[in-house]
C-alpha atoms as a PDB file:
ATOM      1  CA  MET A   1     147.163  10.900 118.455  1.00  0.00           C
ATOM      2  CA  ASP A   2     148.975  11.879 121.649  1.00  0.00           C
ATOM      3  CA  LEU A   3     152.298  13.564 120.904  1.00  0.00           C
ATOM      4  CA  GLY A   4     153.380  14.022 124.518  1.00  0.00           C
ATOM      5  CA  VAL A   5     153.506  16.974 126.908  1.00  0.00           C
ATOM      6  CA  ARG A   6     155.241  20.296 126.235  1.00  0.00           C
ATOM      7  CA  SER A   7     155.503  23.465 128.325  1.00  0.00           C
ATOM      8  CA  ILE A   8     154.500  26.939 127.177  1.00  0.00           C
ATOM      9  CA  ARG A   9     157.183  29.558 127.821  1.00  0.00           C
ATOM     10  CA  SER A  10     157.612  33.245 127.185  1.00  0.00           C
ATOM     11  CA  SER A  11     159.666  34.366 124.210  1.00  0.00           C
ATOM     12  CA  GLY A  12     159.941  37.928 125.503  1.00  0.00           C
ATOM     13  CA  ALA A  13     158.640  39.482 128.700  1.00  0.00           C
ATOM     14  CA  GLY A  14     157.487  42.643 126.996  1.00  0.00           C
ATOM     15  CA  SER A  15     156.090  41.133 123.798  1.00  0.00           C
ATOM     16  CA  GLY A  16     153.357  38.959 125.237  1.00  0.00           C
ATOM     17  CA  SER A  17     154.278  36.164 122.785  1.00  0.00           C
ATOM     18  CA  VAL A  18     154.760  32.563 123.880  1.00  0.00           C
ATOM     19  CA  GLU A  19     156.588  29.525 122.482  1.00  0.00           C
ATOM     20  CA  ILE A  20     156.037  25.797 122.592  1.00  0.00           C
ATOM     21  CA  THR A  21     158.417  23.164 121.246  1.00  0.00           C
ATOM     22  CA  LEU A  22     156.568  20.575 119.184  1.00  0.00           C
ATOM     23  CA  PRO A  23     157.794  16.985 118.644  1.00  0.00           C
ATOM     24  CA  ALA A  24     160.458  16.468 115.982  1.00  0.00           C
ATOM     25  CA  ALA A  25     157.953  14.490 113.896  1.00  0.00           C
ATOM     26  CA  LEU A  26     156.153  17.773 113.197  1.00  0.00           C
ATOM     27  CA  ARG A  27     159.248  19.587 111.927  1.00  0.00           C
ATOM     28  CA  PRO A  28     158.007  19.365 108.306  1.00  0.00           C
ATOM     29  CA  LEU A  29     155.177  21.715 109.328  1.00  0.00           C
ATOM     30  CA  LEU A  30     157.680  24.559 109.744  1.00  0.00           C
ATOM     31  CA  GLY A  31     156.292  27.576 107.928  1.00  0.00           C
ATOM     32  CA  VAL A  32     152.826  26.093 107.369  1.00  0.00           C
ATOM     33  CA  PRO A  33     150.098  28.586 108.414  1.00  0.00           C
ATOM     34  CA  CYS A  34     147.984  27.294 111.314  1.00  0.00           C
ATOM     35  CA  ARG A  35     144.624  28.420 112.648  1.00  0.00           C
ATOM     36  CA  VAL A  36     144.688  28.678 116.458  1.00  0.00           C
ATOM     37  CA  SER A  37     141.435  28.036 118.327  1.00  0.00           C
ATOM     38  CA  LEU A  38     140.504  27.629 121.993  1.00  0.00           C
ATOM     39  CA  ARG A  39     138.049  24.934 123.070  1.00  0.00           C
ATOM     40  CA  ASP A  40     136.812  26.095 126.445  1.00  0.00           C
ATOM     41  CA  GLY A  41     135.273  23.967 129.170  1.00  0.00           C
ATOM     42  CA  HIS A  42     136.335  21.790 132.111  1.00  0.00           C
ATOM     43  CA  ARG A  43     139.426  20.724 130.130  1.00  0.00           C
ATOM     44  CA  PRO A  44     140.341  23.654 127.862  1.00  0.00           C
ATOM     45  CA  GLU A  45     142.254  22.823 124.701  1.00  0.00           C
ATOM     46  CA  ILE A  46     144.254  24.977 122.321  1.00  0.00           C
ATOM     47  CA  VAL A  47     143.957  23.498 118.832  1.00  0.00           C
ATOM     48  CA  LEU A  48     146.363  24.168 115.961  1.00  0.00           C
ATOM     49  CA  THR A  49     144.859  23.448 112.528  1.00  0.00           C
ATOM     50  CA  PRO A  50     147.503  23.496 109.768  1.00  0.00           C
ATOM     51  CA  ASP A  51     146.493  24.690 106.318  1.00  0.00           C
ATOM     52  CA  PHE A  52     146.992  21.648 104.088  1.00  0.00           C
ATOM     53  CA  ARG A  53     145.329  23.112 101.013  1.00  0.00           C
ATOM     54  CA  PRO A  54     148.672  23.285  99.137  1.00  0.00           C
ATOM     55  CA  ALA A  55     149.157  19.533  99.733  1.00  0.00           C
ATOM     56  CA  ILE A  56     145.668  18.697  98.447  1.00  0.00           C
ATOM     57  CA  SER A  57     146.295  20.926  95.417  1.00  0.00           C
ATOM     58  CA  ALA A  58     149.554  19.053  94.752  1.00  0.00           C
ATOM     59  CA  PHE A  59     147.685  15.728  94.885  1.00  0.00           C
ATOM     60  CA  ALA A  60     145.010  17.049  92.503  1.00  0.00           C
ATOM     61  CA  ASP A  61     147.630  18.359  90.072  1.00  0.00           C
ATOM     62  CA  LEU A  62     149.475  15.037  89.968  1.00  0.00           C
ATOM     63  CA  TRP A  63     146.185  13.134  89.613  1.00  0.00           C
ATOM     64  CA  ALA A  64     145.386  15.232  86.552  1.00  0.00           C
ATOM     65  CA  LYS A  65     148.863  14.760  85.081  1.00  0.00           C
ATOM     66  CA  LEU A  66     148.799  11.005  85.620  1.00  0.00           C
ATOM     67  CA  SER A  67     145.322  10.750  84.131  1.00  0.00           C
ATOM     68  CA  VAL A  68     146.374  12.598  80.981  1.00  0.00           C
ATOM     69  CA  ALA A  69     149.606  10.595  80.693  1.00  0.00           C
ATOM     70  CA  PHE A  70     147.689   7.305  80.943  1.00  0.00           C
ATOM     71  CA  GLY A  71     145.017   8.535  78.558  1.00  0.00           C
ATOM     72  CA  ALA A  72     142.436   8.026  81.301  1.00  0.00           C
ATOM     73  CA  GLU A  73     139.557  10.103  79.982  1.00  0.00           C
ATOM     74  CA  CYS A  74     137.335   8.595  82.676  1.00  0.00           C
ATOM     75  CA  CYS A  75     139.295  10.500  85.338  1.00  0.00           C
ATOM     76  CA  SER A  76     138.632  13.982  83.956  1.00  0.00           C
ATOM     77  CA  GLY A  77     136.286  14.821  86.833  1.00  0.00           C
ATOM     78  CA  GLY A  78     139.115  15.640  89.248  1.00  0.00           C
ATOM     79  CA  LEU A  79     140.724  13.980  92.245  1.00  0.00           C
ATOM     80  CA  PRO A  80     138.217  11.936  94.314  1.00  0.00           C
ATOM     81  CA  ILE A  81     140.012  12.805  97.553  1.00  0.00           C
ATOM     82  CA  GLY A  82     137.245  11.210  99.651  1.00  0.00           C
ATOM     83  CA  GLU A  83     138.204   7.795  98.260  1.00  0.00           C
ATOM     84  CA  PHE A  84     141.744   7.966  99.659  1.00  0.00           C
ATOM     85  CA  GLY A  85     143.048   7.288 103.122  1.00  0.00           C
ATOM     86  CA  VAL A  86     144.711  10.588 104.059  1.00  0.00           C
ATOM     87  CA  SER A  87     147.136  10.839 106.980  1.00  0.00           C
ATOM     88  CA  LEU A  88     149.671  13.359 108.233  1.00  0.00           C
ATOM     89  CA  GLY A  89     152.731  11.219 107.571  1.00  0.00           C
ATOM     90  CA  GLN A  90     153.599   7.939 105.902  1.00  0.00           C
ATOM     91  CA  THR A  91     151.543   4.892 106.783  1.00  0.00           C
ATOM     92  CA  LYS A  92     152.870   1.359 107.055  1.00  0.00           C
ATOM     93  CA  GLU A  93     150.049  -0.007 104.942  1.00  0.00           C
ATOM     94  CA  GLN A  94     151.322  -1.016 101.513  1.00  0.00           C
ATOM     95  CA  GLY A  95     149.324  -0.929  98.319  1.00  0.00           C
ATOM     96  CA  ALA A  96     146.377   1.033  99.717  1.00  0.00           C
ATOM     97  CA  ALA A  97     145.072   4.182  98.024  1.00  0.00           C
ATOM     98  CA  SER A  98     146.639   6.333 100.731  1.00  0.00           C
ATOM     99  CA  LEU A  99     148.256   9.757 100.708  1.00  0.00           C
ATOM    100  CA  ALA A 100     150.446  11.539 103.255  1.00  0.00           C
ATOM    101  CA  LEU A 101     149.900  15.268 103.678  1.00  0.00           C
ATOM    102  CA  LEU A 102     153.575  15.836 104.447  1.00  0.00           C
ATOM    103  CA  ASP A 103     154.422  14.286 101.066  1.00  0.00           C
ATOM    104  CA  GLY A 104     151.920  16.653  99.476  1.00  0.00           C
ATOM    105  CA  LEU A 105     153.590  19.635 101.139  1.00  0.00           C
ATOM    106  CA  ALA A 106     156.975  18.429  99.855  1.00  0.00           C
ATOM    107  CA  LEU A 107     155.602  18.412  96.310  1.00  0.00           C
ATOM    108  CA  ALA A 108     153.771  21.727  96.693  1.00  0.00           C
ATOM    109  CA  GLY A 109     157.019  23.647  97.069  1.00  0.00           C
ATOM    110  CA  ALA A 110     159.490  24.668  94.409  1.00  0.00           C
ATOM    111  CA  PRO A 111     161.648  21.991  92.727  1.00  0.00           C
ATOM    112  CA  PRO A 112     163.739  19.982  93.155  1.00  0.00           C
ATOM    113  CA  HIS A 113     161.107  17.712  94.681  1.00  0.00           C
ATOM    114  CA  ASP A 114     161.842  14.833  97.040  1.00  0.00           C
ATOM    115  CA  PRO A 115     161.939  11.666  94.857  1.00  0.00           C
ATOM    116  CA  ALA A 116     160.731   9.430  97.711  1.00  0.00           C
ATOM    117  CA  ALA A 117     157.718  11.665  98.405  1.00  0.00           C
ATOM    118  CA  PHE A 118     156.993  11.792  94.663  1.00  0.00           C
ATOM    119  CA  ALA A 119     157.130   7.990  94.455  1.00  0.00           C
ATOM    120  CA  ARG A 120     154.794   7.506  97.430  1.00  0.00           C
ATOM    121  CA  VAL A 121     152.202   9.979  96.145  1.00  0.00           C
ATOM    122  CA  THR A 122     152.393   8.514  92.627  1.00  0.00           C
ATOM    123  CA  ALA A 123     151.856   5.000  93.988  1.00  0.00           C
ATOM    124  CA  GLY A 124     148.927   6.117  96.133  1.00  0.00           C
ATOM    125  CA  LEU A 125     147.222   7.858  93.218  1.00  0.00           C
ATOM    126  CA  ALA A 126     147.930   4.991  90.813  1.00  0.00           C
ATOM    127  CA  THR A 127     146.337   2.471  93.167  1.00  0.00           C
ATOM    128  CA  ARG A 128     143.028   4.288  92.738  1.00  0.00           C
ATOM    129  CA  LEU A 129     143.635   4.973  89.033  1.00  0.00           C
ATOM    130  CA  ALA A 130     143.980   1.230  88.423  1.00  0.00           C
ATOM    131  CA  LEU A 131     140.268   0.826  89.128  1.00  0.00           C
ATOM    132  CA  ALA A 132     139.322   3.614  86.726  1.00  0.00           C
ATOM    133  CA  LEU A 133     141.524   2.033  84.053  1.00  0.00           C
ATOM    134  CA  GLU A 134     139.692  -1.294  84.518  1.00  0.00           C
ATOM    135  CA  ILE A 135     142.813  -3.111  85.658  1.00  0.00           C
ATOM    136  CA  ASP A 136     142.088  -6.214  87.706  1.00  0.00           C
ATOM    137  CA  PRO A 137     142.070  -5.256  91.426  1.00  0.00           C
ATOM    138  CA  ASP A 138     144.469  -8.140  92.055  1.00  0.00           C
ATOM    139  CA  PHE A 139     147.060  -6.205  90.043  1.00  0.00           C
ATOM    140  CA  ALA A 140     146.349  -2.748  91.538  1.00  0.00           C
ATOM    141  CA  ARG A 141     149.252  -2.876  93.983  1.00  0.00           C
ATOM    142  CA  GLU A 142     151.715  -3.979  91.308  1.00  0.00           C
ATOM    143  CA  PHE A 143     150.364  -1.357  88.914  1.00  0.00           C
ATOM    144  CA  ALA A 144     150.946   1.334  91.543  1.00  0.00           C
ATOM    145  CA  ALA A 145     154.500   0.149  92.186  1.00  0.00           C
ATOM    146  CA  ALA A 146     155.268  -0.040  88.469  1.00  0.00           C
ATOM    147  CA  THR A 147     153.894   3.451  87.890  1.00  0.00           C
ATOM    148  CA  ALA A 148     155.962   4.957  90.711  1.00  0.00           C
ATOM    149  CA  TYR A 149     159.028   3.122  89.392  1.00  0.00           C
ATOM    150  CA  VAL A 150     158.616   4.395  85.821  1.00  0.00           C
ATOM    151  CA  VAL A 151     158.089   7.955  87.044  1.00  0.00           C
ATOM    152  CA  THR A 152     160.833   8.152  89.697  1.00  0.00           C
ATOM    153  CA  GLY A 153     163.081   5.109  89.274  1.00  0.00           C
ATOM    154  CA  ILE A 154     162.414   4.129  92.903  1.00  0.00           C
ATOM    155  CA  VAL A 155     161.480   0.612  93.989  1.00  0.00           C
ATOM    156  CA  HIS A 156     159.819   1.480  97.280  1.00  0.00           C
ATOM    157  CA  SER A 157     159.782  -2.044  98.765  1.00  0.00           C
ATOM    158  CA  THR A 158     161.582  -5.338  98.188  1.00  0.00           C
ATOM    159  CA  SER A 159     158.271  -7.039  97.377  1.00  0.00           C
ATOM    160  CA  CYS A 160     157.950  -4.747  94.342  1.00  0.00           C
ATOM    161  CA  ARG A 161     161.336  -5.631  92.848  1.00  0.00           C
ATOM    162  CA  GLU A 162     159.909  -8.375  90.632  1.00  0.00           C
ATOM    163  CA  ILE A 163     157.316  -6.223  88.854  1.00  0.00           C
ATOM    164  CA  CYS A 164     159.720  -3.293  88.528  1.00  0.00           C
ATOM    165  CA  ASP A 165     162.365  -5.492  86.892  1.00  0.00           C
ATOM    166  CA  ILE A 166     159.756  -6.949  84.540  1.00  0.00           C
ATOM    167  CA  VAL A 167     158.519  -3.493  83.559  1.00  0.00           C
ATOM    168  CA  ALA A 168     162.091  -2.304  82.981  1.00  0.00           C
ATOM    169  CA  VAL A 169     162.610  -5.137  80.474  1.00  0.00           C
ATOM    170  CA  LEU A 170     159.257  -4.525  78.762  1.00  0.00           C
ATOM    171  CA  LEU A 171     160.131  -0.849  78.244  1.00  0.00           C
ATOM    172  CA  ARG A 172     163.558  -1.494  76.694  1.00  0.00           C
ATOM    173  CA  PRO A 173     162.246  -1.404  73.098  1.00  0.00           C
ATOM    174  CA  MET A 174     161.073   2.161  73.816  1.00  0.00           C
ATOM    175  CA  ARG A 175     164.513   3.070  75.213  1.00  0.00           C
ATOM    176  CA  ALA A 176     162.709   4.339  78.293  1.00  0.00           C
ATOM    177  CA  GLU A 177     164.721   4.207  81.498  1.00  0.00           C
ATOM    178  CA  ALA A 178     162.787   4.474  84.755  1.00  0.00           C
ATOM    179  CA  GLY A 179     163.242   7.801  86.512  1.00  0.00           C
ATOM    180  CA  SER A 180     165.642   9.212  83.912  1.00  0.00           C
ATOM    181  CA  ALA A 181     163.351  12.026  82.734  1.00  0.00           C
ATOM    182  CA  PHE A 182     162.621  13.120  86.314  1.00  0.00           C
ATOM    183  CA  ALA A 183     166.335  13.320  87.118  1.00  0.00           C
ATOM    184  CA  ARG A 184     167.258  15.004  83.849  1.00  0.00           C
ATOM    185  CA  LEU A 185     164.536  17.667  84.138  1.00  0.00           C
ATOM    186  CA  GLY A 186     165.615  18.934  87.533  1.00  0.00           C
ATOM    187  CA  GLU A 187     163.468  16.639  89.695  1.00  0.00           C
ATOM    188  CA  ASP A 188     160.444  18.816  88.965  1.00  0.00           C
ATOM    189  CA  ALA A 189     157.290  16.742  89.532  1.00  0.00           C
ATOM    190  CA  THR A 190     155.128  19.404  87.875  1.00  0.00           C
ATOM    191  CA  SER A 191     157.186  19.873  84.705  1.00  0.00           C
ATOM    192  CA  PRO A 192     155.023  19.637  81.549  1.00  0.00           C
ATOM    193  CA  ALA A 193     158.076  18.296  79.698  1.00  0.00           C
ATOM    194  CA  LEU A 194     158.371  15.469  82.229  1.00  0.00           C
ATOM    195  CA  TRP A 195     154.794  14.335  81.722  1.00  0.00           C
ATOM    196  CA  ARG A 196     155.081  14.535  77.940  1.00  0.00           C
ATOM    197  CA  GLU A 197     158.046  12.149  78.111  1.00  0.00           C
ATOM    198  CA  LEU A 198     156.281   9.839  80.558  1.00  0.00           C
ATOM    199  CA  ALA A 199     153.116   9.447  78.475  1.00  0.00           C
ATOM    200  CA  GLY A 200     154.529   6.776  76.159  1.00  0.00           C
ATOM    201  CA  PRO A 201     156.043   4.543  78.889  1.00  0.00           C
ATOM    202  CA  LEU A 202     153.017   4.901  81.166  1.00  0.00           C
ATOM    203  CA  GLN A 203     150.583   4.000  78.404  1.00  0.00           C
ATOM    204  CA  ALA A 204     152.728   0.962  77.617  1.00  0.00           C
ATOM    205  CA  VAL A 205     152.526  -0.050  81.293  1.00  0.00           C
ATOM    206  CA  ARG A 206     148.758   0.402  81.174  1.00  0.00           C
ATOM    207  CA  ALA A 207     148.517  -1.810  78.067  1.00  0.00           C
ATOM    208  CA  HIS A 208     150.543  -4.605  79.698  1.00  0.00           C
ATOM    209  CA  PHE A 209     148.453  -4.566  82.876  1.00  0.00           C
ATOM    210  CA  LEU A 210     145.230  -4.605  80.900  1.00  0.00           C
ATOM    211  CA  ALA A 211     146.541  -7.616  78.958  1.00  0.00           C
ATOM    212  CA  TRP A 212     147.476  -9.364  82.215  1.00  0.00           C
ATOM    213  CA  SER A 213     144.030  -8.574  83.613  1.00  0.00           C
ATOM    214  CA  ARG A 214     142.535 -10.510  80.690  1.00  0.00           C
ATOM    215  CA  ASP A 215     145.163 -13.267  80.826  1.00  0.00           C
ATOM    216  CA  PRO A 216     146.794 -13.538  84.288  1.00  0.00           C
ATOM    217  CA  ILE A 217     148.799 -16.587  83.142  1.00  0.00           C
ATOM    218  CA  GLU A 218     151.003 -14.302  81.055  1.00  0.00           C
ATOM    219  CA  ARG A 219     151.928 -12.286  84.165  1.00  0.00           C
ATOM    220  CA  HIS A 220     152.628 -15.444  86.165  1.00  0.00           C
ATOM    221  CA  THR A 221     154.843 -16.756  83.353  1.00  0.00           C
ATOM    222  CA  LEU A 222     156.910 -13.556  83.416  1.00  0.00           C
ATOM    223  CA  GLY A 223     157.213 -13.826  87.180  1.00  0.00           C
ATOM    224  CA  ALA A 224     158.430 -17.399  86.963  1.00  0.00           C
ATOM    225  CA  ALA A 225     161.014 -16.386  84.363  1.00  0.00           C
ATOM    226  CA  TRP A 226     162.176 -13.537  86.618  1.00  0.00           C
ATOM    227  CA  ARG A 227     162.583 -15.891  89.574  1.00  0.00           C
ATOM    228  CA  ARG A 228     164.516 -18.403  87.466  1.00  0.00           C
ATOM    229  CA  GLY A 229     166.830 -15.642  86.269  1.00  0.00           C
ATOM    230  CA  LEU A 230     167.427 -14.466  89.820  1.00  0.00           C
ATOM    231  CA  SER A 231     168.139 -18.023  90.943  1.00  0.00           C
ATOM    232  CA  LEU A 232     170.704 -18.479  88.172  1.00  0.00           C
ATOM    233  CA  GLU A 233     172.296 -15.133  88.994  1.00  0.00           C
ATOM    234  CA  LEU A 234     172.665 -16.093  92.659  1.00  0.00           C
ATOM    235  CA  LYS A 235     174.210 -19.441  91.722  1.00  0.00           C
ATOM    236  CA  GLU A 236     176.761 -17.717  89.493  1.00  0.00           C
ATOM    237  CA  HIS A 237     177.928 -15.667  92.460  1.00  0.00           C
END
């Protein structure tokens, strides 16, 4: 990825140190340790390699917490990071098992954690978890969106509004409100108390998606009812 051309300049004539202004897109890397290496040859290159181990650790921690909350004993082996598409920043691809390292860095720091980053990482992890939970692959994207919604209260795209509204109604008997625990507990994505509260709602979501995997007609019926309700609501206004 070409990020343009920048000039090296001195930051002090007597210090020997130099500065280079990186593109604004790399601002989130402020404070991240980087290994500096020189690739010699006809076209020498100076390579900066950021240390993203804290981001990977944050992904692994959330994978473990989600697995326990869902009761996914089959996921006890740890995060299969090689099965995810990993990029520096957000990708435009929706529904894929993808993770952004900058989101991981946001969650690796002290709380409060960025809700949007938390939602994206949760959705990415849940997309892969859907397979381990034996949920029909056709429902993996919706399962990921529903999981992120229950955890953070965020509907991260308009195409996910239907399933999020349906899940909100299905969880009413449990008096579980999407994102409420995360907000109430200081927006701490690593809080043990948060994941204890989320276990019941997430396992209910898992049960519904497993039922829909066996009988997709039930899911389609709920979707039709949601669309009829929306149509009536629009007519009333």
